Amino acid sequence: MHYNWPETIKHFKVDEAFTLDDPISDEFVKELRNMGGTYFFEAEKGAVYGPIGGGYSVGGTSVRALTDGDYYHNKVMHLEKHVKENMGFFLGAIREKIGRDPKQIHFKLFIENDSFYIYEAYSEILFK
């Protein structure tokens, strides 16, 4: 990839002043992965890259999957907090649509193109 498609991995490249003293053996890489470690590799002198896949967490899972999971968890928790803090607004919109106070409400998460919305099932309102 370094020689044929360098633009695809350029954001993983480390400062050109950085070089590795010794090449990293396949056995050492295997040991590091088993311990949940991350390593850098040098494609050629002065061309050092960090883990292209994001590396592994200590639990053996992808660091990218871990950070993505944290991102979406926080996004959902923030949305839930928003609903709770603004329940009057949501109830008012439902009341306006159905013409009376709702007897029950059931909010669902609605996801479209990485945007998160609230869907109220009984009134069939999608809050964007």
N, C-alpha and C. Protein backbone atom coordinates (compact mmCIF):
# COMPACT_ATOMS: atom_id res chain seq x y z
N MET A 1 0.83 -1.19 0.00
CA MET A 1 0.00 0.00 0.00
C MET A 1 0.87 1.25 0.00
N HIS A 2 1.96 1.17 0.73
CA HIS A 2 2.87 2.32 0.82
C HIS A 2 3.40 2.71 -0.56
N TYR A 3 3.73 1.74 -1.37
CA TYR A 3 4.30 2.02 -2.69
C TYR A 3 3.24 2.27 -3.76
N ASN A 4 2.15 1.53 -3.71
CA ASN A 4 1.15 1.60 -4.77
C ASN A 4 0.02 2.60 -4.53
N TRP A 5 -0.43 2.73 -3.30
CA TRP A 5 -1.55 3.61 -2.98
C TRP A 5 -1.27 4.40 -1.70
N PRO A 6 -0.21 5.19 -1.67
CA PRO A 6 0.16 5.89 -0.43
C PRO A 6 -0.92 6.83 0.07
N GLU A 7 -1.75 7.37 -0.82
CA GLU A 7 -2.80 8.30 -0.39
C GLU A 7 -3.84 7.60 0.49
N THR A 8 -3.99 6.28 0.36
CA THR A 8 -5.00 5.57 1.16
C THR A 8 -4.59 5.39 2.61
N ILE A 9 -3.30 5.49 2.89
CA ILE A 9 -2.83 5.30 4.27
C ILE A 9 -2.07 6.51 4.81
N LYS A 10 -2.12 7.63 4.10
CA LYS A 10 -1.32 8.80 4.50
C LYS A 10 -1.67 9.31 5.89
N HIS A 11 -2.94 9.16 6.33
CA HIS A 11 -3.31 9.68 7.65
C HIS A 11 -2.82 8.78 8.79
N PHE A 12 -2.21 7.64 8.46
CA PHE A 12 -1.62 6.78 9.49
C PHE A 12 -0.10 6.96 9.57
N LYS A 13 0.44 7.79 8.67
CA LYS A 13 1.88 7.99 8.63
C LYS A 13 2.33 8.90 9.78
N VAL A 14 3.43 8.51 10.38
CA VAL A 14 3.99 9.25 11.51
C VAL A 14 5.00 10.25 10.95
N ASP A 15 5.28 11.29 11.73
CA ASP A 15 6.25 12.32 11.34
C ASP A 15 7.49 11.68 10.70
N GLU A 16 7.92 12.22 9.59
CA GLU A 16 9.04 11.64 8.84
C GLU A 16 10.35 11.62 9.61
N ALA A 17 10.47 12.40 10.65
CA ALA A 17 11.70 12.39 11.44
C ALA A 17 11.78 11.15 12.33
N PHE A 18 10.71 10.42 12.43
CA PHE A 18 10.63 9.25 13.30
C PHE A 18 11.02 8.00 12.52
N THR A 19 11.96 7.21 13.03
CA THR A 19 12.31 5.93 12.41
C THR A 19 12.41 4.88 13.51
N LEU A 20 12.32 3.64 13.11
CA LEU A 20 12.45 2.54 14.06
C LEU A 20 13.90 2.07 14.07
N ASP A 21 14.42 1.78 15.25
CA ASP A 21 15.81 1.33 15.35
C ASP A 21 15.99 -0.06 14.74
N ASP A 22 15.05 -0.94 15.06
CA ASP A 22 15.13 -2.33 14.57
C ASP A 22 13.80 -2.72 13.94
N PRO A 23 13.85 -3.54 12.92
CA PRO A 23 12.59 -4.04 12.35
C PRO A 23 11.84 -4.88 13.38
N ILE A 24 10.53 -4.86 13.30
CA ILE A 24 9.70 -5.63 14.23
C ILE A 24 9.41 -6.98 13.59
N SER A 25 9.73 -8.04 14.31
CA SER A 25 9.53 -9.38 13.77
C SER A 25 8.06 -9.78 13.83
N ASP A 26 7.70 -10.72 12.98
CA ASP A 26 6.33 -11.25 12.99
C ASP A 26 5.99 -11.87 14.34
N GLU A 27 6.98 -12.52 14.97
CA GLU A 27 6.77 -13.14 16.28
C GLU A 27 6.47 -12.08 17.34
N PHE A 28 7.20 -10.97 17.29
CA PHE A 28 6.97 -9.88 18.25
C PHE A 28 5.58 -9.27 18.04
N VAL A 29 5.19 -9.10 16.78
CA VAL A 29 3.85 -8.59 16.47
C VAL A 29 2.79 -9.52 17.05
N LYS A 30 2.99 -10.81 16.89
CA LYS A 30 2.04 -11.80 17.44
C LYS A 30 1.95 -11.67 18.96
N GLU A 31 3.08 -11.54 19.62
CA GLU A 31 3.10 -11.38 21.08
C GLU A 31 2.37 -10.10 21.49
N LEU A 32 2.65 -9.01 20.79
CA LEU A 32 1.98 -7.75 21.10
C LEU A 32 0.47 -7.87 20.95
N ARG A 33 0.01 -8.49 19.86
CA ARG A 33 -1.43 -8.66 19.64
C ARG A 33 -2.06 -9.50 20.74
N ASN A 34 -1.36 -10.55 21.15
CA ASN A 34 -1.89 -11.41 22.22
C ASN A 34 -2.02 -10.65 23.53
N MET A 35 -1.17 -9.63 23.73
CA MET A 35 -1.23 -8.83 24.95
C MET A 35 -2.13 -7.61 24.80
N GLY A 36 -2.69 -7.42 23.60
CA GLY A 36 -3.50 -6.23 23.36
C GLY A 36 -2.67 -5.01 23.05
N GLY A 37 -1.44 -5.23 22.63
CA GLY A 37 -0.54 -4.12 22.34
C GLY A 37 -0.69 -3.61 20.91
N THR A 38 -0.15 -2.43 20.70
CA THR A 38 -0.18 -1.79 19.39
C THR A 38 1.27 -1.53 18.98
N TYR A 39 1.51 -1.52 17.70
CA TYR A 39 2.87 -1.32 17.21
C TYR A 39 2.86 -0.43 15.98
N PHE A 40 4.04 0.10 15.65
CA PHE A 40 4.26 0.88 14.45
C PHE A 40 5.07 0.01 13.48
N PHE A 41 4.94 0.27 12.20
CA PHE A 41 5.79 -0.45 11.26
C PHE A 41 6.41 0.54 10.29
N GLU A 42 7.58 0.15 9.80
CA GLU A 42 8.32 1.01 8.90
C GLU A 42 8.36 0.34 7.53
N ALA A 43 7.67 0.93 6.57
CA ALA A 43 7.62 0.38 5.22
C ALA A 43 8.96 0.52 4.52
N GLU A 44 9.64 1.64 4.77
CA GLU A 44 10.99 1.90 4.31
C GLU A 44 11.57 2.94 5.25
N LYS A 45 12.85 3.17 5.18
CA LYS A 45 13.49 4.12 6.09
C LYS A 45 12.78 5.47 6.05
N GLY A 46 12.30 5.91 7.20
CA GLY A 46 11.62 7.19 7.31
C GLY A 46 10.13 7.16 7.00
N ALA A 47 9.60 6.00 6.63
CA ALA A 47 8.17 5.87 6.33
C ALA A 47 7.54 4.95 7.37
N VAL A 48 7.19 5.54 8.52
CA VAL A 48 6.65 4.79 9.66
C VAL A 48 5.16 5.05 9.76
N TYR A 49 4.41 3.98 9.98
CA TYR A 49 2.96 4.06 10.06
C TYR A 49 2.47 3.50 11.39
N GLY A 50 1.42 4.13 11.90
CA GLY A 50 0.72 3.60 13.06
C GLY A 50 -0.22 2.51 12.59
N PRO A 51 -0.94 1.89 13.51
CA PRO A 51 -1.83 0.78 13.13
C PRO A 51 -2.94 1.24 12.19
N ILE A 52 -2.94 0.72 10.98
CA ILE A 52 -3.89 1.13 9.95
C ILE A 52 -5.32 0.77 10.34
N GLY A 53 -5.50 -0.36 10.98
CA GLY A 53 -6.84 -0.76 11.40
C GLY A 53 -7.28 -0.14 12.72
N GLY A 54 -6.43 0.70 13.30
CA GLY A 54 -6.78 1.34 14.55
C GLY A 54 -6.19 0.66 15.76
N GLY A 55 -5.72 -0.56 15.61
CA GLY A 55 -5.13 -1.29 16.73
C GLY A 55 -6.17 -2.08 17.49
N TYR A 56 -5.68 -2.77 18.52
CA TYR A 56 -6.54 -3.60 19.37
C TYR A 56 -6.59 -3.02 20.77
N SER A 57 -7.74 -3.19 21.42
CA SER A 57 -7.84 -2.81 22.82
C SER A 57 -7.29 -3.95 23.67
N VAL A 58 -7.11 -3.70 24.94
CA VAL A 58 -6.62 -4.73 25.85
C VAL A 58 -7.57 -5.93 25.86
N GLY A 59 -8.85 -5.68 25.63
CA GLY A 59 -9.84 -6.77 25.58
C GLY A 59 -9.80 -7.56 24.29
N GLY A 60 -8.93 -7.16 23.35
CA GLY A 60 -8.79 -7.90 22.11
C GLY A 60 -9.72 -7.44 21.00
N THR A 61 -10.49 -6.41 21.26
CA THR A 61 -11.40 -5.90 20.23
C THR A 61 -10.76 -4.71 19.52
N SER A 62 -11.32 -4.36 18.41
CA SER A 62 -10.82 -3.25 17.61
C SER A 62 -10.97 -1.93 18.37
N VAL A 63 -9.92 -1.12 18.37
CA VAL A 63 -9.99 0.20 19.01
C VAL A 63 -11.03 1.06 18.29
N ARG A 64 -11.09 0.93 16.96
CA ARG A 64 -12.07 1.70 16.20
C ARG A 64 -13.49 1.30 16.61
N ALA A 65 -13.74 0.00 16.75
CA ALA A 65 -15.07 -0.45 17.18
C ALA A 65 -15.39 0.06 18.58
N LEU A 66 -14.40 0.06 19.44
CA LEU A 66 -14.58 0.55 20.81
C LEU A 66 -14.92 2.03 20.83
N THR A 67 -14.17 2.84 20.08
CA THR A 67 -14.44 4.28 20.08
C THR A 67 -15.76 4.59 19.36
N ASP A 68 -16.07 3.86 18.29
CA ASP A 68 -17.37 4.05 17.63
C ASP A 68 -18.51 3.70 18.58
N GLY A 69 -18.35 2.60 19.31
CA GLY A 69 -19.38 2.20 20.28
C GLY A 69 -19.59 3.27 21.34
N ASP A 70 -18.48 3.83 21.85
CA ASP A 70 -18.58 4.91 22.84
C ASP A 70 -19.29 6.13 22.25
N TYR A 71 -18.96 6.46 21.01
CA TYR A 71 -19.57 7.61 20.35
C TYR A 71 -21.10 7.43 20.25
N TYR A 72 -21.53 6.29 19.75
CA TYR A 72 -22.97 6.07 19.58
C TYR A 72 -23.69 5.92 20.91
N HIS A 73 -23.03 5.31 21.89
CA HIS A 73 -23.63 5.22 23.22
C HIS A 73 -23.87 6.62 23.79
N ASN A 74 -22.85 7.47 23.69
CA ASN A 74 -23.00 8.84 24.20
C ASN A 74 -24.06 9.62 23.44
N LYS A 75 -24.15 9.40 22.14
CA LYS A 75 -25.15 10.08 21.33
C LYS A 75 -26.57 9.68 21.78
N VAL A 76 -26.77 8.41 22.00
CA VAL A 76 -28.09 7.93 22.45
C VAL A 76 -28.40 8.43 23.86
N MET A 77 -27.43 8.41 24.73
CA MET A 77 -27.65 8.89 26.10
C MET A 77 -27.99 10.38 26.10
N HIS A 78 -27.33 11.16 25.26
CA HIS A 78 -27.62 12.59 25.14
C HIS A 78 -29.04 12.81 24.63
N LEU A 79 -29.46 12.02 23.65
CA LEU A 79 -30.80 12.14 23.10
C LEU A 79 -31.85 11.76 24.15
N GLU A 80 -31.59 10.72 24.91
CA GLU A 80 -32.52 10.32 25.98
C GLU A 80 -32.65 11.44 27.02
N LYS A 81 -31.53 12.04 27.39
CA LYS A 81 -31.55 13.15 28.34
C LYS A 81 -32.36 14.32 27.78
N HIS A 82 -32.18 14.60 26.50
CA HIS A 82 -32.92 15.69 25.84
C HIS A 82 -34.43 15.43 25.91
N VAL A 83 -34.83 14.21 25.65
CA VAL A 83 -36.27 13.88 25.70
C VAL A 83 -36.80 14.09 27.11
N LYS A 84 -36.11 13.58 28.10
CA LYS A 84 -36.55 13.71 29.49
C LYS A 84 -36.64 15.17 29.92
N GLU A 85 -35.66 15.97 29.52
CA GLU A 85 -35.65 17.37 29.92
C GLU A 85 -36.67 18.22 29.16
N ASN A 86 -37.16 17.72 28.04
CA ASN A 86 -38.10 18.48 27.21
C ASN A 86 -39.41 17.74 27.00
N MET A 87 -39.81 16.97 27.99
CA MET A 87 -41.01 16.17 27.88
C MET A 87 -42.25 17.03 27.60
N GLY A 88 -42.30 18.21 28.15
CA GLY A 88 -43.45 19.11 27.90
C GLY A 88 -43.61 19.42 26.43
N PHE A 89 -42.50 19.66 25.73
CA PHE A 89 -42.55 19.92 24.30
C PHE A 89 -43.10 18.72 23.54
N PHE A 90 -42.59 17.55 23.85
CA PHE A 90 -43.02 16.33 23.16
C PHE A 90 -44.50 16.05 23.42
N LEU A 91 -44.93 16.16 24.68
CA LEU A 91 -46.33 15.94 25.01
C LEU A 91 -47.24 16.96 24.32
N GLY A 92 -46.77 18.21 24.24
CA GLY A 92 -47.55 19.24 23.56
C GLY A 92 -47.73 18.93 22.08
N ALA A 93 -46.68 18.47 21.43
CA ALA A 93 -46.77 18.12 20.01
C ALA A 93 -47.69 16.94 19.79
N ILE A 94 -47.63 15.97 20.68
CA ILE A 94 -48.52 14.80 20.57
C ILE A 94 -49.96 15.23 20.79
N ARG A 95 -50.17 16.05 21.83
CA ARG A 95 -51.51 16.56 22.14
C ARG A 95 -52.09 17.31 20.94
N GLU A 96 -51.27 18.13 20.31
CA GLU A 96 -51.72 18.91 19.16
C GLU A 96 -52.13 18.00 17.99
N LYS A 97 -51.39 16.94 17.79
CA LYS A 97 -51.70 16.05 16.66
C LYS A 97 -52.95 15.21 16.91
N ILE A 98 -53.09 14.66 18.14
CA ILE A 98 -54.22 13.74 18.37
C ILE A 98 -55.44 14.44 18.96
N GLY A 99 -55.30 15.72 19.35
CA GLY A 99 -56.44 16.49 19.83
C GLY A 99 -56.81 16.25 21.28
N ARG A 100 -55.95 15.60 22.03
CA ARG A 100 -56.20 15.33 23.45
C ARG A 100 -54.89 14.94 24.13
N ASP A 101 -54.93 14.85 25.45
CA ASP A 101 -53.74 14.36 26.16
C ASP A 101 -53.53 12.88 25.82
N PRO A 102 -52.31 12.49 25.56
CA PRO A 102 -52.07 11.08 25.24
C PRO A 102 -52.27 10.20 26.46
N LYS A 103 -52.87 9.03 26.25
CA LYS A 103 -53.05 8.07 27.35
C LYS A 103 -51.75 7.34 27.64
N GLN A 104 -51.00 7.11 26.59
CA GLN A 104 -49.68 6.49 26.77
C GLN A 104 -48.77 6.97 25.64
N ILE A 105 -47.49 6.90 25.91
CA ILE A 105 -46.50 7.27 24.90
C ILE A 105 -45.45 6.17 24.83
N HIS A 106 -44.87 6.03 23.66
CA HIS A 106 -43.81 5.04 23.48
C HIS A 106 -42.80 5.61 22.48
N PHE A 107 -41.68 6.10 23.01
CA PHE A 107 -40.65 6.66 22.16
C PHE A 107 -39.73 5.57 21.64
N LYS A 108 -39.34 5.70 20.39
CA LYS A 108 -38.39 4.78 19.78
C LYS A 108 -37.28 5.59 19.12
N LEU A 109 -36.13 4.97 19.05
CA LEU A 109 -35.01 5.59 18.36
C LEU A 109 -35.15 5.33 16.87
N PHE A 110 -34.98 6.37 16.08
CA PHE A 110 -35.05 6.25 14.63
C PHE A 110 -33.74 6.80 14.08
N ILE A 111 -33.03 5.98 13.29
CA ILE A 111 -31.72 6.37 12.76
C ILE A 111 -31.81 6.41 11.23
N GLU A 112 -31.31 7.52 10.69
CA GLU A 112 -31.29 7.67 9.24
C GLU A 112 -30.03 8.43 8.85
N ASN A 113 -29.19 7.80 8.05
CA ASN A 113 -27.95 8.44 7.58
C ASN A 113 -27.13 9.03 8.72
N ASP A 114 -26.93 8.28 9.77
CA ASP A 114 -26.14 8.70 10.93
C ASP A 114 -26.77 9.85 11.72
N SER A 115 -28.03 10.15 11.45
CA SER A 115 -28.77 11.13 12.25
C SER A 115 -29.75 10.37 13.13
N PHE A 116 -29.87 10.79 14.37
CA PHE A 116 -30.73 10.11 15.32
C PHE A 116 -31.96 10.97 15.58
N TYR A 117 -33.13 10.35 15.55
CA TYR A 117 -34.40 11.04 15.77
C TYR A 117 -35.22 10.26 16.78
N ILE A 118 -36.29 10.90 17.23
CA ILE A 118 -37.23 10.27 18.15
C ILE A 118 -38.53 10.02 17.41
N TYR A 119 -39.03 8.81 17.52
CA TYR A 119 -40.32 8.46 16.92
C TYR A 119 -41.25 8.07 18.05
N GLU A 120 -42.42 8.72 18.08
CA GLU A 120 -43.42 8.34 19.08
C GLU A 120 -44.41 7.43 18.37
N ALA A 121 -44.52 6.19 18.85
CA ALA A 121 -45.24 5.14 18.13
C ALA A 121 -46.75 5.34 18.06
N TYR A 122 -47.39 5.77 19.15
CA TYR A 122 -48.86 5.87 19.16
C TYR A 122 -49.37 7.03 18.30
N SER A 123 -48.68 8.14 18.34
CA SER A 123 -49.11 9.30 17.54
C SER A 123 -48.47 9.30 16.16
N GLU A 124 -47.48 8.44 15.98
CA GLU A 124 -46.74 8.33 14.71
C GLU A 124 -46.06 9.63 14.31
N ILE A 125 -45.49 10.32 15.31
CA ILE A 125 -44.75 11.55 15.07
C ILE A 125 -43.26 11.24 15.07
N LEU A 126 -42.57 11.72 14.04
CA LEU A 126 -41.13 11.63 13.98
C LEU A 126 -40.58 13.01 14.33
N PHE A 127 -39.86 13.07 15.43
CA PHE A 127 -39.26 14.34 15.88
C PHE A 127 -37.84 14.41 15.34
N LYS A 128 -37.61 15.40 14.48
CA LYS A 128 -36.27 15.58 13.90
C LYS A 128 -35.56 16.74 14.54
